[in-house]
Amino acid sequence: MLDGLLSPVHLVFILILALLIFGPRRLPEIGASLGKSIREFRQAMNQIGRPTDAPAEEAKSPLPPESSK
């Protein structure tokens, strides 16, 4: 259904359209902010998928003995 949706011709057309809309000065800023957003999103997804060490260490440490009165 969506075969060939992003062929090289389509990508070039999208880049030219973005250049016309945002201009040559603004386009690198948009690309940098988009790359930074994607990087932060991937880091957040990796942190969600990987358990943290702090709760595991707390669970492994023995509880202090209770004082009997």
N, C-alpha and C. Protein backbone atom coordinates (compact mmCIF):
# COMPACT_ATOMS: atom_id res chain seq x y z
N MET A 1 0.82 -1.19 0.00
CA MET A 1 0.00 0.00 0.00
C MET A 1 0.86 1.26 0.00
N LEU A 2 1.88 1.26 0.85
CA LEU A 2 2.75 2.43 0.94
C LEU A 2 4.11 2.18 0.31
N ASP A 3 4.16 1.30 -0.68
CA ASP A 3 5.42 0.99 -1.34
C ASP A 3 5.97 2.21 -2.06
N GLY A 4 7.23 2.50 -1.86
CA GLY A 4 7.87 3.62 -2.55
C GLY A 4 7.44 4.98 -2.04
N LEU A 5 6.93 5.04 -0.81
CA LEU A 5 6.46 6.30 -0.27
C LEU A 5 7.61 7.30 -0.11
N LEU A 6 8.74 6.85 0.35
CA LEU A 6 9.88 7.74 0.55
C LEU A 6 11.02 7.36 -0.40
N SER A 7 10.74 7.44 -1.66
CA SER A 7 11.79 7.20 -2.64
C SER A 7 12.73 8.41 -2.66
N PRO A 8 13.90 8.30 -3.23
CA PRO A 8 14.84 9.43 -3.26
C PRO A 8 14.25 10.69 -3.89
N VAL A 9 13.40 10.53 -4.89
CA VAL A 9 12.78 11.71 -5.53
C VAL A 9 11.88 12.43 -4.53
N HIS A 10 11.13 11.66 -3.75
CA HIS A 10 10.25 12.26 -2.75
C HIS A 10 11.05 12.97 -1.65
N LEU A 11 12.15 12.36 -1.22
CA LEU A 11 12.97 12.99 -0.20
C LEU A 11 13.58 14.31 -0.68
N VAL A 12 14.04 14.35 -1.92
CA VAL A 12 14.58 15.59 -2.48
C VAL A 12 13.49 16.66 -2.55
N PHE A 13 12.30 16.26 -2.95
CA PHE A 13 11.19 17.21 -3.02
C PHE A 13 10.86 17.76 -1.63
N ILE A 14 10.86 16.91 -0.61
CA ILE A 14 10.58 17.36 0.76
C ILE A 14 11.67 18.31 1.24
N LEU A 15 12.93 18.01 0.95
CA LEU A 15 14.03 18.89 1.36
C LEU A 15 13.96 20.25 0.67
N ILE A 16 13.63 20.26 -0.62
CA ILE A 16 13.48 21.54 -1.34
C ILE A 16 12.32 22.34 -0.77
N LEU A 17 11.22 21.67 -0.48
CA LEU A 17 10.06 22.35 0.10
C LEU A 17 10.40 22.93 1.48
N ALA A 18 11.12 22.17 2.31
CA ALA A 18 11.53 22.66 3.62
C ALA A 18 12.48 23.86 3.48
N LEU A 19 13.36 23.82 2.49
CA LEU A 19 14.28 24.93 2.26
C LEU A 19 13.52 26.18 1.86
N LEU A 20 12.50 26.03 1.04
CA LEU A 20 11.70 27.18 0.63
C LEU A 20 10.87 27.74 1.79
N ILE A 21 10.36 26.86 2.63
CA ILE A 21 9.51 27.32 3.73
C ILE A 21 10.34 27.97 4.84
N PHE A 22 11.40 27.31 5.28
CA PHE A 22 12.15 27.79 6.44
C PHE A 22 13.36 28.65 6.08
N GLY A 23 13.89 28.51 4.90
CA GLY A 23 15.04 29.31 4.49
C GLY A 23 16.35 28.66 4.87
N PRO A 24 17.43 29.09 4.21
CA PRO A 24 18.74 28.47 4.43
C PRO A 24 19.33 28.76 5.81
N ARG A 25 18.95 29.84 6.44
CA ARG A 25 19.51 30.17 7.75
C ARG A 25 18.86 29.35 8.85
N ARG A 26 17.60 29.11 8.73
CA ARG A 26 16.84 28.44 9.79
C ARG A 26 16.91 26.90 9.70
N LEU A 27 17.14 26.37 8.52
CA LEU A 27 17.13 24.92 8.31
C LEU A 27 18.18 24.17 9.15
N PRO A 28 19.43 24.64 9.27
CA PRO A 28 20.40 23.93 10.12
C PRO A 28 20.00 23.94 11.60
N GLU A 29 19.38 25.03 12.05
CA GLU A 29 18.91 25.08 13.44
C GLU A 29 17.82 24.04 13.68
N ILE A 30 16.93 23.91 12.75
CA ILE A 30 15.84 22.93 12.87
C ILE A 30 16.41 21.52 12.86
N GLY A 31 17.37 21.26 12.00
CA GLY A 31 17.99 19.94 11.95
C GLY A 31 18.72 19.60 13.24
N ALA A 32 19.42 20.58 13.80
CA ALA A 32 20.15 20.35 15.05
C ALA A 32 19.18 20.09 16.21
N SER A 33 18.12 20.87 16.29
CA SER A 33 17.16 20.66 17.37
C SER A 33 16.42 19.34 17.21
N LEU A 34 16.14 18.94 15.98
CA LEU A 34 15.49 17.66 15.74
C LEU A 34 16.42 16.51 16.14
N GLY A 35 17.69 16.61 15.80
CA GLY A 35 18.66 15.58 16.19
C GLY A 35 18.82 15.49 17.69
N LYS A 36 18.84 16.63 18.37
CA LYS A 36 18.94 16.64 19.83
C LYS A 36 17.71 16.00 20.46
N SER A 37 16.54 16.29 19.93
CA SER A 37 15.30 15.71 20.45
C SER A 37 15.29 14.20 20.28
N ILE A 38 15.71 13.73 19.13
CA ILE A 38 15.74 12.28 18.88
C ILE A 38 16.74 11.61 19.82
N ARG A 39 17.90 12.23 20.03
CA ARG A 39 18.91 11.67 20.93
C ARG A 39 18.38 11.58 22.36
N GLU A 40 17.70 12.65 22.84
CA GLU A 40 17.16 12.63 24.19
C GLU A 40 16.05 11.60 24.33
N PHE A 41 15.25 11.43 23.28
CA PHE A 41 14.19 10.44 23.30
C PHE A 41 14.77 9.03 23.40
N ARG A 42 15.81 8.75 22.64
CA ARG A 42 16.44 7.42 22.70
C ARG A 42 17.05 7.16 24.06
N GLN A 43 17.69 8.18 24.66
CA GLN A 43 18.27 8.01 25.99
C GLN A 43 17.18 7.72 27.01
N ALA A 44 16.05 8.41 26.91
CA ALA A 44 14.95 8.17 27.83
C ALA A 44 14.38 6.77 27.65
N MET A 45 14.26 6.32 26.41
CA MET A 45 13.75 4.97 26.16
C MET A 45 14.72 3.91 26.70
N ASN A 46 16.01 4.15 26.60
CA ASN A 46 17.00 3.21 27.13
C ASN A 46 16.94 3.16 28.65
N GLN A 47 16.69 4.30 29.30
CA GLN A 47 16.59 4.33 30.75
C GLN A 47 15.33 3.61 31.22
N ILE A 48 14.26 3.69 30.46
CA ILE A 48 13.03 3.01 30.83
C ILE A 48 13.20 1.51 30.69
N GLY A 49 13.84 1.07 29.64
CA GLY A 49 14.01 -0.34 29.38
C GLY A 49 15.01 -1.03 30.29
N ARG A 50 15.91 -0.30 30.87
CA ARG A 50 16.98 -0.86 31.70
C ARG A 50 16.67 -0.55 33.17
N PRO A 51 16.65 -1.56 34.03
CA PRO A 51 16.37 -1.29 35.45
C PRO A 51 17.52 -0.52 36.08
N THR A 52 17.19 0.33 37.00
CA THR A 52 18.23 1.11 37.67
C THR A 52 18.90 0.26 38.73
N ASP A 53 20.11 0.62 39.11
CA ASP A 53 20.88 -0.15 40.07
C ASP A 53 20.52 0.19 41.51
N ALA A 54 20.07 1.39 41.78
CA ALA A 54 19.82 1.82 43.15
C ALA A 54 18.77 0.97 43.86
N PRO A 55 17.59 0.74 43.31
CA PRO A 55 16.62 -0.09 44.04
C PRO A 55 17.10 -1.52 44.24
N ALA A 56 17.84 -2.06 43.30
CA ALA A 56 18.35 -3.42 43.42
C ALA A 56 19.34 -3.52 44.57
N GLU A 57 20.19 -2.53 44.74
CA GLU A 57 21.16 -2.54 45.81
C GLU A 57 20.47 -2.43 47.17
N GLU A 58 19.41 -1.62 47.24
CA GLU A 58 18.68 -1.49 48.49
C GLU A 58 18.00 -2.80 48.85
N ALA A 59 17.49 -3.52 47.88
CA ALA A 59 16.82 -4.78 48.14
C ALA A 59 17.81 -5.84 48.58
N LYS A 60 19.06 -5.79 48.13
CA LYS A 60 20.07 -6.78 48.46
C LYS A 60 20.66 -6.55 49.86
N SER A 61 20.67 -5.30 50.32
CA SER A 61 21.29 -5.03 51.60
C SER A 61 20.42 -5.57 52.73
N PRO A 62 21.04 -6.18 53.71
CA PRO A 62 20.25 -6.75 54.81
C PRO A 62 19.68 -5.63 55.68
N LEU A 63 18.56 -5.94 56.29
CA LEU A 63 17.93 -4.99 57.20
C LEU A 63 18.69 -5.00 58.53
N PRO A 64 18.75 -3.87 59.21
CA PRO A 64 19.41 -3.86 60.51
C PRO A 64 18.61 -4.71 61.50
N PRO A 65 19.28 -5.36 62.41
CA PRO A 65 18.56 -6.20 63.39
C PRO A 65 17.66 -5.35 64.27
N GLU A 66 16.51 -5.91 64.58
CA GLU A 66 15.58 -5.20 65.47
C GLU A 66 16.03 -5.38 66.90
N SER A 67 15.89 -4.34 67.66
CA SER A 67 16.27 -4.43 69.08
C SER A 67 15.08 -5.00 69.86
N SER A 68 15.33 -6.00 70.67
CA SER A 68 14.26 -6.60 71.47
C SER A 68 14.27 -5.98 72.86
N LYS A 69 13.11 -5.67 73.34
CA LYS A 69 12.99 -5.02 74.65
C LYS A 69 12.37 -5.93 75.65
